[in-house]
Structures are given as structure tokens and as C-alpha cells.
Amino acid sequence: MIKTIIVDDEIHCLDTLNILLKEHCPTMNVVQQCKSGEEGYQAINFHKPDVVFLDIEMPGMNGFDMLKKLSDVNFSVIFTTGYDQYAITAIHLSALDYLLKPIAPSDLIGAVRKLDSRKQFPSKEQFGILLDKLSNPRGSIARFAIPTFDGFELVSAEAIICCTADDNYTRFQLKNDREIIACRTLKQIEESLESFPFFLRVHHSYLVNMNEVVRYVRGEGGYLVMSDGRSVNVSRSRKESLLRLFVT
């Protein structure tokens, strides 16, 4: 059984998630439900859980403050939150997981399955990226975490040439002929990179770093030639927005 703690200041959210876990994720053993960040902090130190479902917005000590107070985060974290774009962007950049409230059973099952395939707990670097972004939500972060099959890789956004969809995965083409396969869809990667304005989705299969575009070749949609020599197709529906960037 997977020792689990739920931290949320809303009683109905605690009860609902507990019921969903019992119904859909029977391997998750909820050892305590906590109504505050302080209570969660004490429960984590006492139970030493494998997984914590952590609400972000709580009075007093919020979820992020609770994490900062812990000396070590040697457990998996799944954030639970309403729609908060800054928080979600920060979580994406750090390659951590979250569930949007109200939590759908299918999303919960997917998040738990990802836990089963993960080989390590979140690192200090991941939480460092998360907290840096939260403390400066409108500023840029030099690096972000790319989730991979066996963990994550920290890369500079400027080192990315383009990202290519590959079913439920994304291929990152980096400078120096490096490639990283991320276990995220291109849509999820696009959301992760929203705070970097030089990325543009030019096709349902391609997200490009506009600083790495060498030239544009006209056609029905046309295509871009990137700095490493590869060609990237442009869809007709995205051609106009792309050309506006070149003109301005």
C-alpha cells in the first residue's frame, strides 16, 4: 500500500478526494487528512508518507510555505488547486504534477499511474524552480525541468531549437545535436513554456524557438528553416500570426 496524506483546508475537498482514492486508486492508503499547512507539516514528519496531495491556497501556511518549512521532501507531491495561472505555470516549469479542482476521476487515475512509473522523488532543484517562479511570477526563469522516463533534465530555454509532438510524448531538439524525449504532450509543453515569449506554436506538431529561426519559405503554409538546418512545417491556420511576428 502507498502511504498517503491529503492536505486541504476545505473539508468537502478532503472527503471527496479520499472517496475518489478509495474508489479508483485502492493502492493509496490515506493515513491522515489535514485541514491546514501546519497540520500537514506535522503529519508528514510523523507518518513519513510516500505521497502527499497538497492544496496550494490555504490560510496561514499555504502549500508552498509548508514545503519550504520541510528540511527534506522525500515523498511525491501532487498539488491540488483551482485555476491559478501563475501557480500552474510554476508547477509546469518544475516538472511537478497537479490536479485541477474539482478533481475528475480520470485525472486522478492518470496522476497515480505516473507515480507508479516514476523512479525518484522530486529534487531540490525542481522545488527551487517552483519557488523562484512563484516569488517572481512575471519574471523569466533561466531553466526549467523536462520530465523524462526516469526523472527530469534541467535545461535552459534558450538551448531549445524546437519541440516536436510524438503521440503522448514530445521530442526536444536542443543545440549541440542533443535530443530529449519528454513524457508530456506538446500541448502540456506549450503551457509550460508560456512564460518564455519567444516560443510559438506554428503547427499542431511543432513548437519553435523564434530566436532559432533562420528563414521562412513561402507555400500553402510554408515552412521554417531552423538554426540546425531542420525544416519545420507551418500550418495554414498559424501562418498569419507567424508572419505578423516577422513584420513587426
Protein backbone atom coordinates (compact mmCIF):
# COMPACT_ATOMS: atom_id res chain seq x y z
CA MET A 1 0.00 0.00 0.00
CA ILE A 2 1.11 3.57 -0.75
CA LYS A 3 1.08 5.70 2.38
CA THR A 4 -0.80 8.89 1.52
CA ILE A 5 -1.62 12.21 3.20
CA ILE A 6 -4.16 14.77 1.96
CA VAL A 7 -3.74 18.44 2.94
CA ASP A 8 -6.62 20.84 2.21
CA ASP A 9 -8.39 23.49 4.29
CA GLU A 10 -11.77 22.66 2.73
CA ILE A 11 -13.46 19.69 4.44
CA HIS A 12 -15.53 18.73 1.41
CA CYS A 13 -12.35 18.62 -0.74
CA LEU A 14 -10.65 16.34 1.79
CA ASP A 15 -13.63 14.00 1.91
CA THR A 16 -14.17 13.99 -1.86
CA LEU A 17 -10.53 13.17 -2.66
CA ASN A 18 -10.48 10.48 0.00
CA ILE A 19 -13.57 8.84 -1.54
CA LEU A 20 -12.13 9.09 -5.07
CA LEU A 21 -8.90 7.45 -3.96
CA LYS A 22 -10.76 4.58 -2.28
CA GLU A 23 -12.96 4.02 -5.34
CA HIS A 24 -10.42 4.44 -8.13
CA CYS A 25 -6.95 4.04 -6.59
CA PRO A 26 -7.18 1.26 -3.97
CA THR A 27 -3.39 1.04 -3.55
CA MET A 28 -3.41 4.52 -1.97
CA ASN A 29 -3.78 4.23 1.81
CA VAL A 30 -4.80 7.63 3.25
CA VAL A 31 -3.25 7.69 6.73
CA GLN A 32 -4.33 11.25 7.57
CA GLN A 33 -6.43 14.13 6.26
CA CYS A 34 -5.08 17.55 7.28
CA LYS A 35 -7.05 20.80 7.35
CA SER A 36 -4.08 23.20 7.34
CA GLY A 37 -0.50 23.53 6.23
CA GLU A 38 0.70 23.36 9.84
CA GLU A 39 -1.25 20.14 10.44
CA GLY A 40 0.13 18.75 7.19
CA TYR A 41 3.68 19.62 8.22
CA GLN A 42 3.28 17.72 11.49
CA ALA A 43 1.59 14.74 9.81
CA ILE A 44 4.38 14.43 7.23
CA ASN A 45 7.05 14.40 9.91
CA PHE A 46 5.09 11.77 11.87
CA HIS A 47 3.90 9.40 9.11
CA LYS A 48 6.77 9.74 6.58
CA PRO A 49 4.34 9.34 3.64
CA ASP A 50 5.04 8.16 0.11
CA VAL A 51 2.65 10.68 -1.47
CA VAL A 52 1.11 13.99 -0.40
CA PHE A 53 -1.88 15.56 -2.15
CA LEU A 54 -1.32 19.22 -1.32
CA ASP A 55 -3.73 22.12 -1.69
CA ILE A 56 -1.97 25.29 -2.81
CA GLU A 57 -4.21 28.02 -1.40
CA MET A 58 -4.72 27.71 2.35
CA PRO A 59 -4.97 30.42 5.05
CA GLY A 60 -1.93 30.88 7.25
CA MET A 61 0.61 28.43 5.85
CA ASN A 62 -0.16 27.64 2.22
CA GLY A 63 1.07 24.55 0.40
CA PHE A 64 4.26 26.15 -0.89
CA ASP A 65 5.12 27.59 2.54
CA MET A 66 4.66 24.14 4.03
CA LEU A 67 7.12 22.65 1.56
CA LYS A 68 9.67 25.39 2.28
CA LYS A 69 9.45 24.58 6.00
CA LEU A 70 10.33 20.90 5.49
CA SER A 71 14.02 20.04 5.71
CA ASP A 72 13.61 17.25 3.12
CA VAL A 73 10.90 16.41 0.62
CA ASN A 74 11.41 12.65 0.34
CA PHE A 75 7.93 11.90 -0.96
CA SER A 76 5.98 12.54 -4.14
CA VAL A 77 3.79 15.65 -4.29
CA ILE A 78 0.61 16.15 -6.30
CA PHE A 79 -0.70 19.69 -5.97
CA THR A 80 -4.45 20.28 -5.97
CA THR A 81 -5.68 23.70 -7.00
CA GLY A 82 -8.36 25.79 -8.61
CA TYR A 83 -7.34 27.61 -11.77
CA ASP A 84 -4.35 29.80 -10.85
CA GLN A 85 -2.29 30.53 -13.97
CA TYR A 86 0.86 31.65 -12.13
CA ALA A 87 0.86 28.59 -9.87
CA ILE A 88 0.14 26.21 -12.75
CA THR A 89 2.91 27.75 -14.88
CA ALA A 90 5.35 27.41 -11.99
CA ILE A 91 4.37 23.76 -11.48
CA HIS A 92 4.81 23.05 -15.20
CA LEU A 93 8.26 24.63 -15.24
CA SER A 94 9.38 22.46 -12.35
CA ALA A 95 8.01 19.22 -13.93
CA LEU A 96 5.82 18.56 -10.91
CA ASP A 97 2.24 17.28 -11.01
CA TYR A 98 -1.08 18.92 -10.19
CA LEU A 99 -4.80 18.24 -10.33
CA LEU A 100 -7.38 20.91 -11.07
CA LYS A 101 -10.38 21.13 -8.75
CA PRO A 102 -12.97 19.72 -8.98
CA ILE A 103 -10.84 16.64 -9.48
CA ALA A 104 -12.01 14.28 -12.22
CA PRO A 105 -11.55 10.54 -11.53
CA SER A 106 -9.75 10.06 -14.87
CA ASP A 107 -7.22 12.79 -14.00
CA LEU A 108 -6.64 11.29 -10.57
CA ILE A 109 -6.08 7.81 -12.03
CA GLY A 110 -3.62 9.26 -14.55
CA ALA A 111 -1.68 11.10 -11.85
CA VAL A 112 -1.40 7.96 -9.70
CA ARG A 113 -0.24 5.91 -12.67
CA LYS A 114 2.53 8.41 -13.27
CA LEU A 115 3.62 7.92 -9.66
CA ASP A 116 3.98 4.19 -10.28
CA SER A 117 6.33 4.78 -13.23
CA ARG A 118 8.45 7.40 -11.51
CA LYS A 119 11.81 6.22 -10.20
CA GLN A 120 12.67 9.10 -7.88
CA PHE A 121 11.17 11.76 -5.65
CA PRO A 122 11.14 15.43 -6.68
CA SER A 123 14.53 17.11 -6.29
CA LYS A 124 15.59 20.30 -4.54
CA GLU A 125 16.25 21.79 -7.98
CA GLN A 126 12.64 21.20 -9.03
CA PHE A 127 11.29 22.88 -5.93
CA GLY A 128 13.84 25.65 -6.39
CA ILE A 129 12.47 26.39 -9.86
CA LEU A 130 8.92 26.27 -8.49
CA LEU A 131 9.57 28.70 -5.64
CA ASP A 132 11.67 31.05 -7.80
CA LYS A 133 8.84 31.37 -10.29
CA LEU A 134 6.26 31.93 -7.56
CA SER A 135 8.34 34.65 -5.91
CA ASN A 136 8.74 36.43 -9.26
CA PRO A 137 5.69 35.40 -11.34
CA ARG A 138 6.27 37.92 -14.16
CA GLY A 139 9.99 37.41 -14.35
CA SER A 140 11.78 34.87 -16.51
CA ILE A 141 13.37 31.69 -15.21
CA ALA A 142 16.68 30.72 -16.81
CA ARG A 143 15.99 26.98 -16.68
CA PHE A 144 13.08 24.62 -16.48
CA ALA A 145 12.67 20.91 -15.86
CA ILE A 146 11.83 18.49 -18.68
CA PRO A 147 10.11 15.37 -17.28
CA THR A 148 11.65 12.20 -18.73
CA PHE A 149 11.05 8.46 -18.34
CA ASP A 150 13.49 8.16 -15.43
CA GLY A 151 13.31 11.62 -13.83
CA PHE A 152 13.87 15.02 -15.35
CA GLU A 153 16.51 17.17 -17.03
CA LEU A 154 17.15 20.83 -16.31
CA VAL A 155 17.70 22.84 -19.47
CA SER A 156 17.98 26.46 -20.49
CA ALA A 157 15.02 27.64 -22.56
CA GLU A 158 17.45 29.34 -24.93
CA ALA A 159 19.06 25.95 -25.69
CA ILE A 160 15.83 24.61 -27.23
CA ILE A 161 15.54 24.83 -31.01
CA CYS A 162 12.10 23.27 -31.35
CA CYS A 163 9.73 20.75 -29.84
CA THR A 164 8.00 18.04 -31.88
CA ALA A 165 4.88 16.06 -30.97
CA ASP A 166 5.31 12.28 -30.82
CA ASP A 167 1.96 10.81 -29.75
CA ASN A 168 1.77 11.39 -25.98
CA TYR A 169 5.42 12.43 -25.82
CA THR A 170 7.42 15.43 -27.02
CA ARG A 171 10.86 15.46 -28.60
CA PHE A 172 13.05 18.42 -27.60
CA GLN A 173 15.66 19.32 -30.22
CA LEU A 174 18.48 21.14 -28.45
CA LYS A 175 21.62 22.87 -29.56
CA ASN A 176 24.73 20.69 -29.92
CA ASP A 177 22.56 18.00 -31.60
CA ARG A 178 21.02 16.86 -28.34
CA GLU A 179 17.52 15.37 -28.13
CA ILE A 180 15.40 14.77 -25.04
CA ILE A 181 12.14 12.83 -25.05
CA ALA A 182 9.68 14.28 -22.55
CA CYS A 183 6.80 12.24 -21.14
CA ARG A 184 4.38 15.12 -21.75
CA THR A 185 2.21 16.04 -24.73
CA LEU A 186 3.18 19.01 -26.88
CA LYS A 187 0.14 20.88 -25.53
CA GLN A 188 1.42 20.42 -21.98
CA ILE A 189 4.90 21.55 -23.02
CA GLU A 190 3.41 24.61 -24.72
CA GLU A 191 1.67 25.51 -21.46
CA SER A 192 4.93 25.01 -19.56
CA LEU A 193 6.75 27.45 -21.85
CA GLU A 194 4.13 30.21 -21.79
CA SER A 195 6.39 32.41 -19.67
CA PHE A 196 9.02 32.37 -22.46
CA PRO A 197 7.60 34.70 -25.14
CA PHE A 198 9.98 33.56 -27.88
CA PHE A 199 8.23 30.18 -28.27
CA LEU A 200 5.48 29.89 -30.87
CA ARG A 201 3.22 27.01 -31.88
CA VAL A 202 3.42 27.02 -35.69
CA HIS A 203 1.78 23.64 -36.35
CA HIS A 204 -0.16 21.03 -34.39
CA SER A 205 3.11 19.05 -34.30
CA TYR A 206 5.66 21.83 -33.78
CA LEU A 207 6.58 24.44 -31.19
CA VAL A 208 9.60 26.55 -32.16
CA ASN A 209 12.06 28.93 -30.56
CA MET A 210 11.68 32.01 -32.77
CA ASN A 211 15.23 33.07 -31.93
CA GLU A 212 16.45 29.93 -33.74
CA VAL A 213 14.55 30.57 -37.00
CA VAL A 214 16.92 31.21 -39.93
CA ARG A 215 14.36 31.80 -42.68
CA TYR A 216 10.78 31.27 -43.79
CA VAL A 217 9.94 29.62 -47.13
CA ARG A 218 6.54 30.52 -48.57
CA GLY A 219 3.95 27.92 -49.58
CA GLU A 220 0.41 26.89 -48.64
CA GLY A 221 1.51 27.14 -45.05
CA GLY A 222 5.19 27.34 -45.79
CA TYR A 223 7.97 26.07 -43.61
CA LEU A 224 10.72 27.39 -41.34
CA VAL A 225 14.40 26.57 -41.56
CA MET A 226 15.89 26.34 -38.08
CA SER A 227 19.44 27.04 -36.93
CA ASP A 228 20.35 23.35 -37.00
CA GLY A 229 19.18 23.03 -40.62
CA ARG A 230 15.95 21.16 -39.94
CA SER A 231 12.71 22.19 -41.66
CA VAL A 232 9.54 22.78 -39.65
CA ASN A 233 6.15 22.92 -41.36
CA VAL A 234 3.82 25.85 -40.71
CA SER A 235 0.06 25.19 -40.77
CA ARG A 236 -2.20 27.45 -42.83
CA SER A 237 -4.15 28.45 -39.72
CA ARG A 238 -0.99 29.69 -37.96
CA LYS A 239 0.74 31.26 -40.94
CA GLU A 240 -0.77 34.73 -40.46
CA SER A 241 0.24 35.06 -36.81
CA LEU A 242 3.73 33.87 -37.68
CA LEU A 243 4.18 36.40 -40.48
CA ARG A 244 2.95 39.21 -38.23
CA LEU A 245 5.89 38.47 -35.93
CA PHE A 246 8.36 38.77 -38.82
CA VAL A 247 6.83 42.05 -39.97
CA THR A 248 6.85 43.62 -36.50
